[in-house]
Amino acid sequence: MSLKLAKSPKIALVTAFMSGFIPIMFVEINKVAIDYLVLLLIFSIIYCIFKINERKYVDYALILIFLLVMTSPLAFILIIGLLFYLLLLKLENLKVEMKRQR
């Protein structure tokens, strides 16, 4: 994801290395918790949104959002964030459009 965002291999390597050491949920590393599944689903949805121009990623994103809504109330935070992003695009008079495949 960091390579897709930064478009520079050096910056992507540094940010991926730094994010690997963020102490997220190290306390419950040996316990099975639903939070790990939720984090995996959220990052998978964000990855699918990056590649939304391909039809199969649209389907994957919808399926993953459905699974996220069924597993955790944190899905509403993601949905509110995406709606806020669309609101900001609307306020800046930017168009939201899908690119067509050749």
N, C-alpha and C. Protein backbone atom coordinates (compact mmCIF):
# COMPACT_ATOMS: atom_id res chain seq x y z
N MET A 1 0.82 -1.19 0.00
CA MET A 1 0.00 0.00 0.00
C MET A 1 0.86 1.25 0.00
N SER A 2 1.96 1.19 0.74
CA SER A 2 2.79 2.39 0.82
C SER A 2 3.46 2.68 -0.53
N LEU A 3 3.78 1.65 -1.29
CA LEU A 3 4.35 1.88 -2.62
C LEU A 3 3.31 2.49 -3.56
N LYS A 4 2.07 2.05 -3.44
CA LYS A 4 1.00 2.60 -4.27
C LYS A 4 0.75 4.07 -3.94
N LEU A 5 0.83 4.42 -2.65
CA LEU A 5 0.59 5.80 -2.24
C LEU A 5 1.77 6.71 -2.55
N ALA A 6 3.00 6.25 -2.24
CA ALA A 6 4.17 7.12 -2.34
C ALA A 6 4.76 7.16 -3.75
N LYS A 7 4.62 6.08 -4.49
CA LYS A 7 5.18 5.97 -5.84
C LYS A 7 6.69 6.13 -5.85
N SER A 8 7.32 5.87 -4.72
CA SER A 8 8.78 5.90 -4.61
C SER A 8 9.19 4.70 -3.77
N PRO A 9 10.03 3.82 -4.31
CA PRO A 9 10.40 2.61 -3.57
C PRO A 9 11.12 2.90 -2.24
N LYS A 10 11.91 3.95 -2.21
CA LYS A 10 12.64 4.26 -0.97
C LYS A 10 11.69 4.72 0.13
N ILE A 11 10.78 5.62 -0.21
CA ILE A 11 9.82 6.12 0.78
C ILE A 11 8.89 4.99 1.21
N ALA A 12 8.49 4.15 0.27
CA ALA A 12 7.60 3.03 0.60
C ALA A 12 8.28 2.05 1.55
N LEU A 13 9.56 1.80 1.35
CA LEU A 13 10.29 0.90 2.23
C LEU A 13 10.40 1.46 3.63
N VAL A 14 10.68 2.75 3.74
CA VAL A 14 10.81 3.37 5.06
C VAL A 14 9.47 3.37 5.79
N THR A 15 8.40 3.73 5.11
CA THR A 15 7.10 3.77 5.78
C THR A 15 6.59 2.37 6.15
N ALA A 16 6.85 1.39 5.29
CA ALA A 16 6.45 0.01 5.61
C ALA A 16 7.26 -0.50 6.80
N PHE A 17 8.54 -0.16 6.86
CA PHE A 17 9.39 -0.57 7.99
C PHE A 17 8.91 0.07 9.28
N MET A 18 8.57 1.37 9.22
CA MET A 18 8.09 2.06 10.42
C MET A 18 6.73 1.52 10.87
N SER A 19 5.87 1.22 9.94
CA SER A 19 4.55 0.72 10.34
C SER A 19 4.61 -0.69 10.91
N GLY A 20 5.67 -1.41 10.59
CA GLY A 20 5.84 -2.75 11.15
C GLY A 20 6.14 -2.74 12.63
N PHE A 21 6.61 -1.63 13.14
CA PHE A 21 6.97 -1.54 14.55
C PHE A 21 5.98 -0.75 15.39
N ILE A 22 4.83 -0.43 14.84
CA ILE A 22 3.80 0.23 15.62
C ILE A 22 3.19 -0.81 16.56
N PRO A 23 3.19 -0.54 17.85
CA PRO A 23 2.71 -1.56 18.80
C PRO A 23 1.19 -1.64 18.88
N ILE A 24 0.59 -2.21 17.85
CA ILE A 24 -0.86 -2.37 17.83
C ILE A 24 -1.20 -3.75 18.40
N MET A 25 -1.89 -3.74 19.50
CA MET A 25 -2.44 -4.96 20.11
C MET A 25 -1.38 -6.00 20.41
N PHE A 26 -0.19 -5.60 20.87
CA PHE A 26 0.82 -6.58 21.25
C PHE A 26 0.49 -7.25 22.58
N VAL A 27 -0.42 -6.67 23.34
CA VAL A 27 -0.76 -7.22 24.64
C VAL A 27 -1.48 -8.56 24.49
N GLU A 28 -2.34 -8.68 23.52
CA GLU A 28 -3.14 -9.89 23.33
C GLU A 28 -2.65 -10.71 22.15
N ILE A 29 -1.35 -10.87 22.01
CA ILE A 29 -0.81 -11.52 20.82
C ILE A 29 -1.13 -13.02 20.79
N ASN A 30 -1.30 -13.63 21.94
CA ASN A 30 -1.57 -15.06 21.97
C ASN A 30 -3.05 -15.39 22.07
N LYS A 31 -3.89 -14.39 22.19
CA LYS A 31 -5.32 -14.61 22.29
C LYS A 31 -5.97 -14.42 20.92
N VAL A 32 -7.02 -15.17 20.71
CA VAL A 32 -7.78 -15.00 19.47
C VAL A 32 -8.79 -13.88 19.71
N ALA A 33 -8.67 -12.84 18.94
CA ALA A 33 -9.57 -11.70 19.09
C ALA A 33 -10.14 -11.32 17.73
N ILE A 34 -11.31 -10.77 17.74
CA ILE A 34 -11.97 -10.36 16.50
C ILE A 34 -11.31 -9.11 15.92
N ASP A 35 -10.56 -8.39 16.75
CA ASP A 35 -9.92 -7.15 16.28
C ASP A 35 -8.91 -7.41 15.17
N TYR A 36 -8.23 -8.55 15.21
CA TYR A 36 -7.28 -8.87 14.14
C TYR A 36 -7.99 -9.06 12.82
N LEU A 37 -9.12 -9.72 12.84
CA LEU A 37 -9.91 -9.91 11.63
C LEU A 37 -10.42 -8.57 11.11
N VAL A 38 -10.84 -7.71 12.03
CA VAL A 38 -11.35 -6.39 11.64
C VAL A 38 -10.25 -5.57 10.97
N LEU A 39 -9.05 -5.58 11.56
CA LEU A 39 -7.94 -4.84 10.95
C LEU A 39 -7.60 -5.39 9.57
N LEU A 40 -7.59 -6.70 9.44
CA LEU A 40 -7.31 -7.31 8.14
C LEU A 40 -8.37 -6.92 7.11
N LEU A 41 -9.62 -6.93 7.52
CA LEU A 41 -10.70 -6.54 6.61
C LEU A 41 -10.61 -5.07 6.20
N ILE A 42 -10.30 -4.19 7.16
CA ILE A 42 -10.21 -2.77 6.85
C ILE A 42 -9.07 -2.50 5.87
N PHE A 43 -7.91 -3.10 6.11
CA PHE A 43 -6.80 -2.87 5.19
C PHE A 43 -7.05 -3.51 3.83
N SER A 44 -7.76 -4.63 3.79
CA SER A 44 -8.11 -5.25 2.52
C SER A 44 -9.09 -4.38 1.74
N ILE A 45 -10.03 -3.77 2.44
CA ILE A 45 -10.99 -2.86 1.79
C ILE A 45 -10.26 -1.65 1.21
N ILE A 46 -9.34 -1.09 1.97
CA ILE A 46 -8.58 0.07 1.48
C ILE A 46 -7.76 -0.32 0.25
N TYR A 47 -7.17 -1.51 0.25
CA TYR A 47 -6.41 -1.98 -0.91
C TYR A 47 -7.33 -2.13 -2.13
N CYS A 48 -8.52 -2.69 -1.91
CA CYS A 48 -9.46 -2.84 -3.02
C CYS A 48 -9.92 -1.49 -3.54
N ILE A 49 -10.04 -0.50 -2.66
CA ILE A 49 -10.43 0.83 -3.11
C ILE A 49 -9.33 1.46 -3.97
N PHE A 50 -8.06 1.15 -3.65
CA PHE A 50 -6.97 1.65 -4.49
C PHE A 50 -7.07 1.10 -5.91
N LYS A 51 -7.53 -0.13 -6.05
CA LYS A 51 -7.60 -0.78 -7.35
C LYS A 51 -9.04 -0.88 -7.85
N ILE A 52 -9.85 0.10 -7.51
CA ILE A 52 -11.29 0.06 -7.80
C ILE A 52 -11.58 0.13 -9.31
N ASN A 53 -10.60 0.46 -10.12
CA ASN A 53 -10.83 0.56 -11.56
C ASN A 53 -11.10 -0.80 -12.21
N GLU A 54 -10.67 -1.88 -11.56
CA GLU A 54 -10.93 -3.21 -12.08
C GLU A 54 -12.22 -3.75 -11.45
N ARG A 55 -13.04 -4.36 -12.25
CA ARG A 55 -14.37 -4.81 -11.80
C ARG A 55 -14.29 -5.81 -10.65
N LYS A 56 -13.30 -6.70 -10.68
CA LYS A 56 -13.25 -7.72 -9.64
C LYS A 56 -12.97 -7.10 -8.27
N TYR A 57 -12.24 -5.99 -8.22
CA TYR A 57 -11.95 -5.34 -6.95
C TYR A 57 -13.17 -4.61 -6.39
N VAL A 58 -14.07 -4.21 -7.26
CA VAL A 58 -15.34 -3.63 -6.79
C VAL A 58 -16.14 -4.71 -6.06
N ASP A 59 -16.19 -5.90 -6.66
CA ASP A 59 -16.90 -7.01 -6.03
C ASP A 59 -16.24 -7.41 -4.72
N TYR A 60 -14.91 -7.49 -4.71
CA TYR A 60 -14.19 -7.84 -3.49
C TYR A 60 -14.44 -6.81 -2.39
N ALA A 61 -14.42 -5.54 -2.74
CA ALA A 61 -14.65 -4.49 -1.74
C ALA A 61 -16.04 -4.58 -1.15
N LEU A 62 -17.04 -4.84 -1.97
CA LEU A 62 -18.41 -4.97 -1.46
C LEU A 62 -18.56 -6.18 -0.53
N ILE A 63 -17.94 -7.28 -0.91
CA ILE A 63 -18.00 -8.48 -0.06
C ILE A 63 -17.29 -8.24 1.27
N LEU A 64 -16.11 -7.60 1.20
CA LEU A 64 -15.36 -7.32 2.43
C LEU A 64 -16.08 -6.32 3.33
N ILE A 65 -16.73 -5.33 2.75
CA ILE A 65 -17.50 -4.37 3.55
C ILE A 65 -18.67 -5.08 4.23
N PHE A 66 -19.32 -5.99 3.51
CA PHE A 66 -20.41 -6.76 4.12
C PHE A 66 -19.90 -7.60 5.29
N LEU A 67 -18.75 -8.27 5.11
CA LEU A 67 -18.18 -9.05 6.20
C LEU A 67 -17.79 -8.18 7.38
N LEU A 68 -17.26 -7.00 7.09
CA LEU A 68 -16.87 -6.08 8.16
C LEU A 68 -18.08 -5.60 8.94
N VAL A 69 -19.15 -5.30 8.25
CA VAL A 69 -20.37 -4.86 8.94
C VAL A 69 -20.91 -5.97 9.82
N MET A 70 -20.79 -7.21 9.40
CA MET A 70 -21.29 -8.33 10.19
C MET A 70 -20.40 -8.67 11.39
N THR A 71 -19.13 -8.28 11.36
CA THR A 71 -18.22 -8.68 12.43
C THR A 71 -17.99 -7.63 13.49
N SER A 72 -18.07 -6.35 13.13
CA SER A 72 -17.67 -5.35 14.10
C SER A 72 -18.40 -4.03 13.87
N PRO A 73 -18.65 -3.30 14.95
CA PRO A 73 -19.23 -1.96 14.79
C PRO A 73 -18.20 -0.94 14.30
N LEU A 74 -16.93 -1.33 14.21
CA LEU A 74 -15.92 -0.42 13.68
C LEU A 74 -16.13 -0.13 12.20
N ALA A 75 -16.97 -0.91 11.56
CA ALA A 75 -17.27 -0.68 10.15
C ALA A 75 -17.90 0.69 9.94
N PHE A 76 -18.65 1.14 10.92
CA PHE A 76 -19.29 2.45 10.78
C PHE A 76 -18.27 3.57 10.75
N ILE A 77 -17.15 3.39 11.44
CA ILE A 77 -16.09 4.40 11.39
C ILE A 77 -15.50 4.47 9.99
N LEU A 78 -15.28 3.31 9.37
CA LEU A 78 -14.76 3.28 8.00
C LEU A 78 -15.76 3.90 7.04
N ILE A 79 -17.02 3.56 7.18
CA ILE A 79 -18.05 4.10 6.29
C ILE A 79 -18.20 5.61 6.47
N ILE A 80 -18.17 6.08 7.72
CA ILE A 80 -18.24 7.52 7.97
C ILE A 80 -17.02 8.22 7.38
N GLY A 81 -15.85 7.60 7.49
CA GLY A 81 -14.64 8.18 6.89
C GLY A 81 -14.73 8.29 5.38
N LEU A 82 -15.26 7.25 4.74
CA LEU A 82 -15.41 7.28 3.28
C LEU A 82 -16.45 8.32 2.86
N LEU A 83 -17.53 8.44 3.61
CA LEU A 83 -18.53 9.47 3.31
C LEU A 83 -17.97 10.87 3.52
N PHE A 84 -17.15 11.05 4.55
CA PHE A 84 -16.50 12.34 4.78
C PHE A 84 -15.54 12.69 3.63
N TYR A 85 -14.85 11.67 3.11
CA TYR A 85 -13.97 11.88 1.97
C TYR A 85 -14.77 12.32 0.74
N LEU A 86 -15.91 11.67 0.50
CA LEU A 86 -16.75 12.07 -0.62
C LEU A 86 -17.31 13.48 -0.43
N LEU A 87 -17.63 13.84 0.81
CA LEU A 87 -18.10 15.19 1.10
C LEU A 87 -17.01 16.22 0.80
N LEU A 88 -15.77 15.91 1.17
CA LEU A 88 -14.66 16.83 0.87
C LEU A 88 -14.44 16.97 -0.63
N LEU A 89 -14.58 15.87 -1.37
CA LEU A 89 -14.47 15.95 -2.82
C LEU A 89 -15.57 16.83 -3.41
N LYS A 90 -16.76 16.70 -2.87
CA LYS A 90 -17.89 17.51 -3.34
C LYS A 90 -17.67 18.98 -3.04
N LEU A 91 -17.15 19.29 -1.84
CA LEU A 91 -16.90 20.68 -1.47
C LEU A 91 -15.81 21.32 -2.33
N GLU A 92 -14.86 20.52 -2.77
CA GLU A 92 -13.78 21.03 -3.61
C GLU A 92 -14.14 21.02 -5.10
N ASN A 93 -15.37 20.63 -5.41
CA ASN A 93 -15.86 20.54 -6.80
C ASN A 93 -15.03 19.59 -7.65
N LEU A 94 -14.58 18.50 -7.05
CA LEU A 94 -13.88 17.46 -7.79
C LEU A 94 -14.86 16.36 -8.14
N LYS A 95 -14.71 15.77 -9.31
CA LYS A 95 -15.62 14.73 -9.75
C LYS A 95 -15.10 13.37 -9.31
N VAL A 96 -16.01 12.53 -8.88
CA VAL A 96 -15.70 11.16 -8.55
C VAL A 96 -16.13 10.32 -9.73
N GLU A 97 -15.16 9.73 -10.42
CA GLU A 97 -15.51 8.94 -11.60
C GLU A 97 -14.60 7.75 -11.70
N MET A 98 -15.13 6.68 -12.26
CA MET A 98 -14.35 5.47 -12.48
C MET A 98 -13.66 5.57 -13.84
N LYS A 99 -12.43 5.13 -13.89
CA LYS A 99 -11.74 5.10 -15.17
C LYS A 99 -12.19 3.86 -15.94
N ARG A 100 -12.25 3.98 -17.22
CA ARG A 100 -12.68 2.86 -18.04
C ARG A 100 -11.45 2.05 -18.46
N GLN A 101 -11.63 0.74 -18.48
CA GLN A 101 -10.57 -0.16 -18.93
C GLN A 101 -10.57 -0.22 -20.44
N ARG A 102 -9.42 -0.39 -21.00
CA ARG A 102 -9.33 -0.51 -22.46
C ARG A 102 -9.45 -1.93 -22.89
